[in-house]
Amino acid sequence: MAQEDNSRQIIASNRRARYDYEIVDTVEAGMALIGPEVKSLRAGNANLSDGYAFVRRGQMFLANVHIGAYENAWRENAEPRRERKLLLHRHEIRRLETKASEPGMTLIPLRLYFKNGRAKVELGLCRGKQRHDKRESIRKRESDRDLQRAMRGRGRGRSRG
């Protein structure tokens, strides 16, 4: 397990999604990319902020994810926000399609990374949070932060004595 974590090179993460959505399930998918897009990802030119995934004719696609143009491939560069095909097994696509078709559910890209040299995207099956849920998340995060501060402060005081 530790070896698997070392082979991952995170390119971009969608931190806003964890705030705006409750993540019910996650799945890892490969991406069908062209050469300059891969080089652009290696340079870190990606933005997941407005991205989402959908199913069309039994195939899953990733839309609205911005992968910037690679400077040295001026002619082969594709549209930065084009739809990209996701590589999943047929049964995974069907399972995600049925879950995402429920009211209030959507597929959001959470992270974009390289795993063993291949570009992968972590999709989250998400349900939108209401305003009061977001306040609850903020309250919990602040209380955890205060608890960590208190634990650090207490640890220092004992060692000085």
Protein backbone atom coordinates (compact mmCIF):
# COMPACT_ATOMS: atom_id res chain seq x y z
CA MET A 1 0.00 0.00 0.00
CA ALA A 2 2.79 2.45 0.86
CA GLN A 3 4.50 1.64 -2.44
CA GLU A 4 1.30 2.52 -4.31
CA ASP A 5 1.17 5.92 -2.61
CA ASN A 6 4.77 6.64 -3.58
CA SER A 7 4.05 5.98 -7.26
CA ARG A 8 1.34 8.66 -7.38
CA GLN A 9 2.24 12.13 -8.56
CA ILE A 10 -0.69 14.48 -7.93
CA ILE A 11 -1.21 17.05 -10.69
CA ALA A 12 -4.35 18.87 -9.53
CA SER A 13 -6.98 18.47 -6.84
CA ASN A 14 -10.46 19.88 -6.52
CA ARG A 15 -10.52 21.07 -2.91
CA ARG A 16 -13.68 23.08 -3.49
CA ALA A 17 -15.62 19.89 -4.31
CA ARG A 18 -15.01 18.52 -0.82
CA TYR A 19 -16.57 21.69 0.59
CA ASP A 20 -19.53 21.97 -1.81
CA TYR A 21 -20.40 18.27 -2.05
CA GLU A 22 -20.83 15.28 0.20
CA ILE A 23 -18.74 12.53 -1.38
CA VAL A 24 -20.65 9.24 -1.33
CA ASP A 25 -18.31 7.04 -3.38
CA THR A 26 -15.04 7.36 -5.31
CA VAL A 27 -13.67 5.55 -8.34
CA GLU A 28 -10.39 5.75 -10.27
CA ALA A 29 -10.53 6.05 -14.05
CA GLY A 30 -7.95 6.32 -16.80
CA MET A 31 -8.10 9.09 -19.37
CA ALA A 32 -7.73 8.98 -23.15
CA LEU A 33 -5.34 11.85 -23.90
CA ILE A 34 -3.21 12.97 -26.82
CA GLY A 35 0.56 13.48 -26.50
CA PRO A 36 0.72 17.23 -25.87
CA GLU A 37 -1.96 16.92 -23.17
CA VAL A 38 0.17 14.40 -21.28
CA LYS A 39 3.18 16.71 -21.47
CA SER A 40 1.05 19.61 -20.32
CA LEU A 41 -0.15 17.54 -17.35
CA ARG A 42 3.44 16.69 -16.46
CA ALA A 43 4.09 20.44 -16.38
CA GLY A 44 1.11 20.84 -14.00
CA ASN A 45 -1.22 22.72 -16.36
CA ALA A 46 -4.62 21.44 -15.21
CA ASN A 47 -7.69 22.85 -13.51
CA LEU A 48 -10.57 20.70 -12.22
CA SER A 49 -12.74 23.45 -10.74
CA ASP A 50 -15.73 23.29 -13.13
CA GLY A 51 -15.34 19.69 -14.27
CA TYR A 52 -17.94 16.93 -14.26
CA ALA A 53 -18.38 13.46 -15.75
CA PHE A 54 -21.31 12.06 -17.70
CA VAL A 55 -22.30 8.97 -19.66
CA ARG A 56 -23.19 9.10 -23.34
CA ARG A 57 -24.02 5.97 -25.37
CA GLY A 58 -22.44 3.63 -22.83
CA GLN A 59 -19.18 5.57 -22.57
CA MET A 60 -18.07 7.94 -19.82
CA PHE A 61 -16.65 11.37 -20.59
CA LEU A 62 -15.02 14.12 -18.56
CA ALA A 63 -16.16 17.63 -19.47
CA ASN A 64 -15.06 21.15 -18.57
CA VAL A 65 -11.66 20.11 -17.20
CA HIS A 66 -9.04 22.57 -18.40
CA ILE A 67 -5.74 21.08 -19.55
CA GLY A 68 -3.64 23.96 -20.82
CA ALA A 69 -1.81 23.98 -24.13
CA TYR A 70 1.72 22.59 -24.22
CA GLU A 71 4.00 25.41 -25.39
CA ASN A 72 6.28 23.30 -27.62
CA ALA A 73 3.47 21.54 -29.51
CA TRP A 74 1.76 24.50 -31.10
CA ARG A 75 0.20 22.54 -33.98
CA GLU A 76 -0.94 19.35 -32.20
CA ASN A 77 -2.57 21.05 -29.20
CA ALA A 78 -6.24 20.26 -28.68
CA GLU A 79 -9.00 22.45 -27.27
CA PRO A 80 -8.18 22.97 -23.54
CA ARG A 81 -11.74 22.21 -22.33
CA ARG A 82 -12.62 19.42 -24.75
CA GLU A 83 -14.51 16.32 -23.61
CA ARG A 84 -12.12 13.51 -22.76
CA LYS A 85 -13.08 9.86 -22.74
CA LEU A 86 -12.68 8.06 -19.42
CA LEU A 87 -11.46 4.48 -19.38
CA LEU A 88 -13.61 2.29 -17.14
CA HIS A 89 -15.01 -1.21 -17.31
CA ARG A 90 -18.52 -1.48 -18.73
CA HIS A 91 -19.99 -2.69 -15.42
CA GLU A 92 -18.40 0.26 -13.57
CA ILE A 93 -19.90 2.70 -16.08
CA ARG A 94 -23.36 1.16 -15.67
CA ARG A 95 -23.10 1.23 -11.87
CA LEU A 96 -22.02 4.88 -11.83
CA GLU A 97 -24.66 5.84 -14.40
CA THR A 98 -27.48 4.39 -12.29
CA LYS A 99 -26.20 6.04 -9.11
CA ALA A 100 -25.59 9.40 -10.80
CA SER A 101 -29.09 9.39 -12.32
CA GLU A 102 -30.63 9.56 -8.82
CA PRO A 103 -31.88 13.05 -7.89
CA GLY A 104 -29.17 15.32 -6.50
CA MET A 105 -26.25 13.06 -7.45
CA THR A 106 -23.42 13.97 -9.82
CA LEU A 107 -19.93 12.82 -10.80
CA ILE A 108 -17.18 15.30 -9.98
CA PRO A 109 -13.41 14.93 -10.59
CA LEU A 110 -11.64 15.13 -7.23
CA ARG A 111 -7.98 14.59 -8.17
CA LEU A 112 -5.88 14.27 -11.29
CA TYR A 113 -2.62 12.33 -10.93
CA PHE A 114 -0.10 10.05 -12.54
CA LYS A 115 -0.02 6.47 -11.30
CA ASN A 116 2.82 4.34 -12.65
CA GLY A 117 3.24 6.79 -15.53
CA ARG A 118 -0.43 6.83 -16.57
CA ALA A 119 -2.81 9.78 -16.15
CA LYS A 120 -5.69 8.92 -13.82
CA VAL A 121 -8.63 10.86 -12.46
CA GLU A 122 -10.39 10.16 -9.18
CA LEU A 123 -14.13 10.66 -9.66
CA GLY A 124 -16.43 11.25 -6.74
CA LEU A 125 -20.10 10.36 -6.74
CA CYS A 126 -21.35 13.46 -4.94
CA ARG A 127 -24.49 14.93 -3.46
CA GLY A 128 -24.69 18.72 -3.15
CA LYS A 129 -24.55 20.18 0.34
CA GLN A 130 -27.08 22.68 1.59
CA ARG A 131 -25.95 25.90 3.24
CA HIS A 132 -26.45 24.54 6.76
CA ASP A 133 -24.34 21.47 5.88
CA LYS A 134 -21.52 23.78 4.79
CA ARG A 135 -21.74 25.67 8.09
CA GLU A 136 -21.52 22.34 9.88
CA SER A 137 -18.39 21.44 7.89
CA ILE A 138 -16.77 24.77 8.78
CA ARG A 139 -17.67 24.33 12.45
CA LYS A 140 -16.19 20.82 12.50
CA ARG A 141 -13.00 21.93 10.72
CA GLU A 142 -12.51 24.82 13.17
CA SER A 143 -13.10 22.63 16.20
CA ASP A 144 -10.60 20.07 14.89
CA ARG A 145 -8.07 22.86 14.33
CA ASP A 146 -8.62 24.20 17.87
CA LEU A 147 -8.21 20.70 19.29
CA GLN A 148 -4.93 20.26 17.40
CA ARG A 149 -3.68 23.61 18.69
CA ALA A 150 -4.59 22.66 22.25
CA MET A 151 -2.80 19.33 21.94
CA ARG A 152 0.34 20.98 20.55
CA GLY A 153 0.29 23.64 23.24
CA ARG A 154 -0.12 21.08 26.02
CA GLY A 155 2.75 18.96 24.72
CA ARG A 156 5.19 21.88 24.75
CA GLY A 157 4.33 22.95 28.26
CA ARG A 158 5.15 19.59 29.79
CA SER A 159 8.55 19.24 28.10
CA ARG A 160 9.80 22.61 29.37
CA GLY A 161 9.00 21.95 33.05
